[in-house]
Amino acid sequence: MTFYAATTNPGKLRDFAHAAGAHLLNGQPIRIEPLPNLAQFPAPPEDAPTFAGNARAKALYYASHSPGLLVLADDSGLEVDALSGAPGVRSARYADDLGFHSGTTIDDRNNALLLSQLLRLSLRTARYRCALALACRAEDQAEVLATAEGTLEGSIATIPRGVAGFGYDPIFLVPSLNLTMAELDPTTRLTLSHRGRALRALLQAFPHH
């Protein structure tokens, strides 16, 4: 059974593939592939106030253009308690939204902005959150078949550490290990991944026959 992920992000595809690898669905192994011809479709607006809302909207949108395929869509990001849950659904565009331009890549800018906002704050708890939706178009209408969420609790480091991972990984600290996500070996990082946890929950929620 193949799920077609509506993303070109290699890090997300890696997370999903690792999580799917150990599971069977209705007795079948699960493969995760990028959705074919994804670049042909204009991206849908991601304007829902929640990760779950954006994931559902994206899954339905891409499934409506991909008849017969099981389309997996995610929305994920970082919630920082001291910032009332920001950056939240704007995680990928946080620095650009606020006009913060210090850094060569969007990841660098997002991390630098967040660290500057938390400077001198002692409350640094945070979590990664991922919402997933799986949809399929049968006949004329796409419908959502299953949804799930996964979280990873942590805190924000005071400086970036590590070179693995992507996004906020260099500043997202896993307290039990005292390492950032960007310092972890690939297997540990994939095992802890909020996307992996969400996918495992989605497989549990998927209608079994």
C-alpha atoms as a PDB file:
ATOM      1  CA  MET A   1       0.000   0.000   0.000  1.00  0.00           C
ATOM      2  CA  THR A   2       1.409   3.397  -0.991  1.00  0.00           C
ATOM      3  CA  PHE A   3       0.756   6.765   0.609  1.00  0.00           C
ATOM      4  CA  TYR A   4       1.655   9.738  -1.586  1.00  0.00           C
ATOM      5  CA  ALA A   5       3.005  12.568   0.535  1.00  0.00           C
ATOM      6  CA  ALA A   6       2.137  16.084  -0.622  1.00  0.00           C
ATOM      7  CA  THR A   7       5.608  17.436   0.064  1.00  0.00           C
ATOM      8  CA  THR A   8       8.965  17.815  -1.642  1.00  0.00           C
ATOM      9  CA  ASN A   9      10.780  18.277   1.694  1.00  0.00           C
ATOM     10  CA  PRO A  10      13.345  15.452   1.903  1.00  0.00           C
ATOM     11  CA  GLY A  11      13.437  15.641   5.711  1.00  0.00           C
ATOM     12  CA  LYS A  12       9.681  15.093   5.983  1.00  0.00           C
ATOM     13  CA  LEU A  13       9.756  12.246   3.466  1.00  0.00           C
ATOM     14  CA  ARG A  14      12.563  10.614   5.466  1.00  0.00           C
ATOM     15  CA  ASP A  15      10.587  10.929   8.727  1.00  0.00           C
ATOM     16  CA  PHE A  16       7.474   9.407   7.181  1.00  0.00           C
ATOM     17  CA  ALA A  17       9.323   6.578   5.442  1.00  0.00           C
ATOM     18  CA  HIS A  18      11.143   5.598   8.637  1.00  0.00           C
ATOM     19  CA  ALA A  19       7.916   5.556  10.654  1.00  0.00           C
ATOM     20  CA  ALA A  20       6.082   3.531   8.011  1.00  0.00           C
ATOM     21  CA  GLY A  21       8.833   0.978   7.601  1.00  0.00           C
ATOM     22  CA  ALA A  22       8.000  -1.050  10.701  1.00  0.00           C
ATOM     23  CA  HIS A  23       4.247  -1.229  10.142  1.00  0.00           C
ATOM     24  CA  LEU A  24       1.773  -3.238   8.141  1.00  0.00           C
ATOM     25  CA  LEU A  25      -1.665  -1.967   7.193  1.00  0.00           C
ATOM     26  CA  ASN A  26      -4.288  -4.623   6.489  1.00  0.00           C
ATOM     27  CA  GLY A  27      -1.389  -7.043   6.176  1.00  0.00           C
ATOM     28  CA  GLN A  28       0.443  -4.936   3.592  1.00  0.00           C
ATOM     29  CA  PRO A  29       3.724  -3.038   3.959  1.00  0.00           C
ATOM     30  CA  ILE A  30       3.383   0.721   3.600  1.00  0.00           C
ATOM     31  CA  ARG A  31       5.450   2.764   1.189  1.00  0.00           C
ATOM     32  CA  ILE A  32       5.752   6.536   1.293  1.00  0.00           C
ATOM     33  CA  GLU A  33       6.322   8.237  -2.044  1.00  0.00           C
ATOM     34  CA  PRO A  34       6.245  11.910  -3.014  1.00  0.00           C
ATOM     35  CA  LEU A  35       3.014  12.846  -4.756  1.00  0.00           C
ATOM     36  CA  PRO A  36       3.613  12.700  -8.535  1.00  0.00           C
ATOM     37  CA  ASN A  37       3.511  16.000 -10.413  1.00  0.00           C
ATOM     38  CA  LEU A  38       3.186  17.965  -7.177  1.00  0.00           C
ATOM     39  CA  ALA A  39       4.863  20.988  -8.767  1.00  0.00           C
ATOM     40  CA  GLN A  40       2.111  21.198 -11.410  1.00  0.00           C
ATOM     41  CA  PHE A  41      -0.480  22.278  -8.864  1.00  0.00           C
ATOM     42  CA  PRO A  42      -0.504  25.778  -7.366  1.00  0.00           C
ATOM     43  CA  ALA A  43      -0.060  25.448  -3.622  1.00  0.00           C
ATOM     44  CA  PRO A  44      -3.310  25.825  -1.674  1.00  0.00           C
ATOM     45  CA  PRO A  45      -3.542  28.604   0.911  1.00  0.00           C
ATOM     46  CA  GLU A  46      -2.498  27.488   4.391  1.00  0.00           C
ATOM     47  CA  ASP A  47      -4.692  29.907   6.293  1.00  0.00           C
ATOM     48  CA  ALA A  48      -6.395  27.684   8.882  1.00  0.00           C
ATOM     49  CA  PRO A  49      -5.680  28.651  12.511  1.00  0.00           C
ATOM     50  CA  THR A  50      -4.620  25.101  13.431  1.00  0.00           C
ATOM     51  CA  PHE A  51      -2.185  22.497  12.139  1.00  0.00           C
ATOM     52  CA  ALA A  52      -5.072  20.020  11.834  1.00  0.00           C
ATOM     53  CA  GLY A  53      -7.113  22.422   9.715  1.00  0.00           C
ATOM     54  CA  ASN A  54      -4.255  23.053   7.318  1.00  0.00           C
ATOM     55  CA  ALA A  55      -3.431  19.344   7.029  1.00  0.00           C
ATOM     56  CA  ARG A  56      -7.051  18.486   6.178  1.00  0.00           C
ATOM     57  CA  ALA A  57      -7.316  21.283   3.625  1.00  0.00           C
ATOM     58  CA  LYS A  58      -4.088  20.257   1.903  1.00  0.00           C
ATOM     59  CA  ALA A  59      -5.001  16.563   1.849  1.00  0.00           C
ATOM     60  CA  LEU A  60      -8.396  17.271   0.284  1.00  0.00           C
ATOM     61  CA  TYR A  61      -6.935  19.718  -2.233  1.00  0.00           C
ATOM     62  CA  TYR A  62      -4.200  17.412  -3.499  1.00  0.00           C
ATOM     63  CA  ALA A  63      -6.416  14.319  -3.397  1.00  0.00           C
ATOM     64  CA  SER A  64      -8.990  16.103  -5.558  1.00  0.00           C
ATOM     65  CA  HIS A  65      -6.272  16.449  -8.233  1.00  0.00           C
ATOM     66  CA  SER A  66      -5.016  12.871  -7.819  1.00  0.00           C
ATOM     67  CA  PRO A  67      -7.919  10.429  -8.328  1.00  0.00           C
ATOM     68  CA  GLY A  68      -7.468   7.041  -6.718  1.00  0.00           C
ATOM     69  CA  LEU A  69      -4.311   7.892  -4.788  1.00  0.00           C
ATOM     70  CA  LEU A  70      -4.021   7.880  -1.000  1.00  0.00           C
ATOM     71  CA  VAL A  71      -2.721  11.404  -0.394  1.00  0.00           C
ATOM     72  CA  LEU A  72      -0.926  12.223   2.855  1.00  0.00           C
ATOM     73  CA  ALA A  73      -0.632  15.880   3.879  1.00  0.00           C
ATOM     74  CA  ASP A  74       0.924  17.359   6.980  1.00  0.00           C
ATOM     75  CA  ASP A  75       1.161  20.652   8.748  1.00  0.00           C
ATOM     76  CA  SER A  76       3.756  20.876  11.435  1.00  0.00           C
ATOM     77  CA  GLY A  77       5.731  23.365  13.424  1.00  0.00           C
ATOM     78  CA  LEU A  78       6.972  24.609  16.744  1.00  0.00           C
ATOM     79  CA  GLU A  79       4.969  25.918  19.702  1.00  0.00           C
ATOM     80  CA  VAL A  80       6.849  27.946  22.322  1.00  0.00           C
ATOM     81  CA  ASP A  81       5.063  28.423  25.636  1.00  0.00           C
ATOM     82  CA  ALA A  82       6.643  31.794  26.464  1.00  0.00           C
ATOM     83  CA  LEU A  83       5.386  33.109  23.105  1.00  0.00           C
ATOM     84  CA  SER A  84       1.796  31.911  23.667  1.00  0.00           C
ATOM     85  CA  GLY A  85       2.288  29.050  21.225  1.00  0.00           C
ATOM     86  CA  ALA A  86       4.048  31.010  18.474  1.00  0.00           C
ATOM     87  CA  PRO A  87       5.396  30.484  15.873  1.00  0.00           C
ATOM     88  CA  GLY A  88       2.738  27.753  15.567  1.00  0.00           C
ATOM     89  CA  VAL A  89       1.160  27.422  12.126  1.00  0.00           C
ATOM     90  CA  ARG A  90       3.470  30.175  10.852  1.00  0.00           C
ATOM     91  CA  SER A  91       6.625  28.253  11.822  1.00  0.00           C
ATOM     92  CA  ALA A  92       7.992  27.937   8.289  1.00  0.00           C
ATOM     93  CA  ARG A  93       7.498  31.640   7.539  1.00  0.00           C
ATOM     94  CA  TYR A  94       7.965  33.119  11.002  1.00  0.00           C
ATOM     95  CA  ALA A  95      10.916  35.445  10.365  1.00  0.00           C
ATOM     96  CA  ASP A  96       9.631  36.581   6.985  1.00  0.00           C
ATOM     97  CA  ASP A  97       6.192  37.341   8.476  1.00  0.00           C
ATOM     98  CA  LEU A  98       7.848  39.640  11.024  1.00  0.00           C
ATOM     99  CA  GLY A  99      10.312  41.209   8.604  1.00  0.00           C
ATOM    100  CA  PHE A 100      13.372  39.717  10.299  1.00  0.00           C
ATOM    101  CA  HIS A 101      16.172  39.397   7.747  1.00  0.00           C
ATOM    102  CA  SER A 102      19.273  38.409   9.753  1.00  0.00           C
ATOM    103  CA  GLY A 103      20.436  35.079   8.298  1.00  0.00           C
ATOM    104  CA  THR A 104      21.199  33.567   4.920  1.00  0.00           C
ATOM    105  CA  THR A 105      18.428  30.932   4.857  1.00  0.00           C
ATOM    106  CA  ILE A 106      14.860  30.975   6.145  1.00  0.00           C
ATOM    107  CA  ASP A 107      15.829  28.338   8.747  1.00  0.00           C
ATOM    108  CA  ASP A 108      18.683  30.555   9.960  1.00  0.00           C
ATOM    109  CA  ARG A 109      16.383  33.573  10.148  1.00  0.00           C
ATOM    110  CA  ASN A 110      13.654  31.687  11.998  1.00  0.00           C
ATOM    111  CA  ASN A 111      16.110  30.333  14.554  1.00  0.00           C
ATOM    112  CA  ALA A 112      17.840  33.692  15.068  1.00  0.00           C
ATOM    113  CA  LEU A 113      14.525  35.477  15.557  1.00  0.00           C
ATOM    114  CA  LEU A 114      13.291  32.926  18.068  1.00  0.00           C
ATOM    115  CA  LEU A 115      16.502  33.049  20.078  1.00  0.00           C
ATOM    116  CA  SER A 116      16.342  36.847  20.175  1.00  0.00           C
ATOM    117  CA  GLN A 117      12.749  36.730  21.414  1.00  0.00           C
ATOM    118  CA  LEU A 118      13.654  34.335  24.227  1.00  0.00           C
ATOM    119  CA  LEU A 119      16.788  36.192  25.291  1.00  0.00           C
ATOM    120  CA  ARG A 120      16.866  36.488  29.110  1.00  0.00           C
ATOM    121  CA  LEU A 121      13.679  34.418  29.477  1.00  0.00           C
ATOM    122  CA  SER A 122      13.839  31.421  31.787  1.00  0.00           C
ATOM    123  CA  LEU A 123      10.674  29.754  30.465  1.00  0.00           C
ATOM    124  CA  ARG A 124      11.902  27.935  27.368  1.00  0.00           C
ATOM    125  CA  THR A 125       9.568  24.930  27.131  1.00  0.00           C
ATOM    126  CA  ALA A 126       8.320  24.118  23.659  1.00  0.00           C
ATOM    127  CA  ARG A 127       7.001  21.304  21.531  1.00  0.00           C
ATOM    128  CA  TYR A 128       7.094  20.128  17.986  1.00  0.00           C
ATOM    129  CA  ARG A 129       3.605  19.329  16.714  1.00  0.00           C
ATOM    130  CA  CYS A 130       2.562  17.552  13.530  1.00  0.00           C
ATOM    131  CA  ALA A 131      -0.967  17.055  12.207  1.00  0.00           C
ATOM    132  CA  LEU A 132      -1.591  14.575   9.404  1.00  0.00           C
ATOM    133  CA  ALA A 133      -4.549  13.919   7.155  1.00  0.00           C
ATOM    134  CA  LEU A 134      -4.976  11.114   4.657  1.00  0.00           C
ATOM    135  CA  ALA A 135      -7.459  11.678   1.842  1.00  0.00           C
ATOM    136  CA  CYS A 136      -8.581   9.973  -1.346  1.00  0.00           C
ATOM    137  CA  ARG A 137     -10.777  10.980  -4.251  1.00  0.00           C
ATOM    138  CA  ALA A 138     -13.315   8.390  -5.236  1.00  0.00           C
ATOM    139  CA  GLU A 139     -15.573   9.338  -8.134  1.00  0.00           C
ATOM    140  CA  ASP A 140     -16.122  13.102  -7.971  1.00  0.00           C
ATOM    141  CA  GLN A 141     -15.284  13.979  -4.397  1.00  0.00           C
ATOM    142  CA  ALA A 142     -12.244  13.746  -2.147  1.00  0.00           C
ATOM    143  CA  GLU A 143     -12.748  12.698   1.441  1.00  0.00           C
ATOM    144  CA  VAL A 144     -10.544  12.484   4.507  1.00  0.00           C
ATOM    145  CA  LEU A 145     -10.023   8.875   5.574  1.00  0.00           C
ATOM    146  CA  ALA A 146      -7.996   9.416   8.745  1.00  0.00           C
ATOM    147  CA  THR A 147      -6.327  12.148  10.780  1.00  0.00           C
ATOM    148  CA  ALA A 148      -3.801  12.111  13.618  1.00  0.00           C
ATOM    149  CA  GLU A 149      -1.373  14.287  15.532  1.00  0.00           C
ATOM    150  CA  GLY A 150       2.021  13.717  17.099  1.00  0.00           C
ATOM    151  CA  THR A 151       4.041  15.869  19.479  1.00  0.00           C
ATOM    152  CA  LEU A 152       7.549  15.956  20.887  1.00  0.00           C
ATOM    153  CA  GLU A 153       8.064  17.937  24.095  1.00  0.00           C
ATOM    154  CA  GLY A 154      11.294  19.829  24.575  1.00  0.00           C
ATOM    155  CA  SER A 155      12.789  23.249  25.192  1.00  0.00           C
ATOM    156  CA  ILE A 156      14.670  25.924  23.288  1.00  0.00           C
ATOM    157  CA  ALA A 157      18.441  25.968  23.621  1.00  0.00           C
ATOM    158  CA  THR A 158      20.298  29.266  24.083  1.00  0.00           C
ATOM    159  CA  ILE A 159      22.481  28.795  20.986  1.00  0.00           C
ATOM    160  CA  PRO A 160      22.176  26.606  17.869  1.00  0.00           C
ATOM    161  CA  ARG A 161      23.901  23.226  18.208  1.00  0.00           C
ATOM    162  CA  GLY A 162      24.409  20.480  15.667  1.00  0.00           C
ATOM    163  CA  VAL A 163      24.242  20.266  11.899  1.00  0.00           C
ATOM    164  CA  ALA A 164      21.760  17.448  11.263  1.00  0.00           C
ATOM    165  CA  GLY A 165      18.043  17.839  10.723  1.00  0.00           C
ATOM    166  CA  PHE A 166      16.341  20.961   9.415  1.00  0.00           C
ATOM    167  CA  GLY A 167      14.055  23.783  10.498  1.00  0.00           C
ATOM    168  CA  TYR A 168      14.258  24.489  14.220  1.00  0.00           C
ATOM    169  CA  ASP A 169      16.228  21.293  14.982  1.00  0.00           C
ATOM    170  CA  PRO A 170      19.487  23.125  15.941  1.00  0.00           C
ATOM    171  CA  ILE A 171      17.707  24.950  18.775  1.00  0.00           C
ATOM    172  CA  PHE A 172      15.136  22.312  19.808  1.00  0.00           C
ATOM    173  CA  LEU A 173      16.523  20.583  22.879  1.00  0.00           C
ATOM    174  CA  VAL A 174      15.429  17.088  23.923  1.00  0.00           C
ATOM    175  CA  PRO A 175      15.771  17.444  27.719  1.00  0.00           C
ATOM    176  CA  SER A 176      16.163  13.737  28.520  1.00  0.00           C
ATOM    177  CA  LEU A 177      19.209  13.578  26.229  1.00  0.00           C
ATOM    178  CA  ASN A 178      20.467  17.162  26.690  1.00  0.00           C
ATOM    179  CA  LEU A 179      20.986  17.256  22.945  1.00  0.00           C
ATOM    180  CA  THR A 180      19.298  19.243  20.224  1.00  0.00           C
ATOM    181  CA  MET A 181      17.499  17.419  17.438  1.00  0.00           C
ATOM    182  CA  ALA A 182      20.324  18.523  15.137  1.00  0.00           C
ATOM    183  CA  GLU A 183      22.888  16.731  17.360  1.00  0.00           C
ATOM    184  CA  LEU A 184      21.151  13.352  17.312  1.00  0.00           C
ATOM    185  CA  ASP A 185      22.153  10.418  15.177  1.00  0.00           C
ATOM    186  CA  PRO A 186      19.693   9.769  12.349  1.00  0.00           C
ATOM    187  CA  THR A 187      18.082   6.716  13.944  1.00  0.00           C
ATOM    188  CA  THR A 188      17.415   8.444  17.267  1.00  0.00           C
ATOM    189  CA  ARG A 189      16.110  11.570  15.554  1.00  0.00           C
ATOM    190  CA  LEU A 190      13.769   9.586  13.326  1.00  0.00           C
ATOM    191  CA  THR A 191      12.523   7.525  16.284  1.00  0.00           C
ATOM    192  CA  LEU A 192      11.685  10.666  18.286  1.00  0.00           C
ATOM    193  CA  SER A 193      10.235  12.608  15.352  1.00  0.00           C
ATOM    194  CA  HIS A 194       6.828  14.204  15.877  1.00  0.00           C
ATOM    195  CA  ARG A 195       6.059  13.345  12.250  1.00  0.00           C
ATOM    196  CA  GLY A 196       6.872   9.728  12.892  1.00  0.00           C
ATOM    197  CA  ARG A 197       4.644   9.720  15.963  1.00  0.00           C
ATOM    198  CA  ALA A 198       1.822  11.303  13.968  1.00  0.00           C
ATOM    199  CA  LEU A 199       2.158   8.742  11.177  1.00  0.00           C
ATOM    200  CA  ARG A 200       2.112   5.833  13.619  1.00  0.00           C
ATOM    201  CA  ALA A 201      -1.060   7.296  15.166  1.00  0.00           C
ATOM    202  CA  LEU A 202      -2.571   7.747  11.692  1.00  0.00           C
ATOM    203  CA  LEU A 203      -1.964   4.089  10.866  1.00  0.00           C
ATOM    204  CA  GLN A 204      -3.818   3.157  14.045  1.00  0.00           C
ATOM    205  CA  ALA A 205      -6.715   5.429  13.032  1.00  0.00           C
ATOM    206  CA  PHE A 206      -6.883   4.179   9.443  1.00  0.00           C
ATOM    207  CA  PRO A 207     -10.006   2.090   8.729  1.00  0.00           C
ATOM    208  CA  HIS A 208      -8.943  -1.558   9.009  1.00  0.00           C
ATOM    209  CA  HIS A 209     -10.641  -4.273   7.011  1.00  0.00           C
END
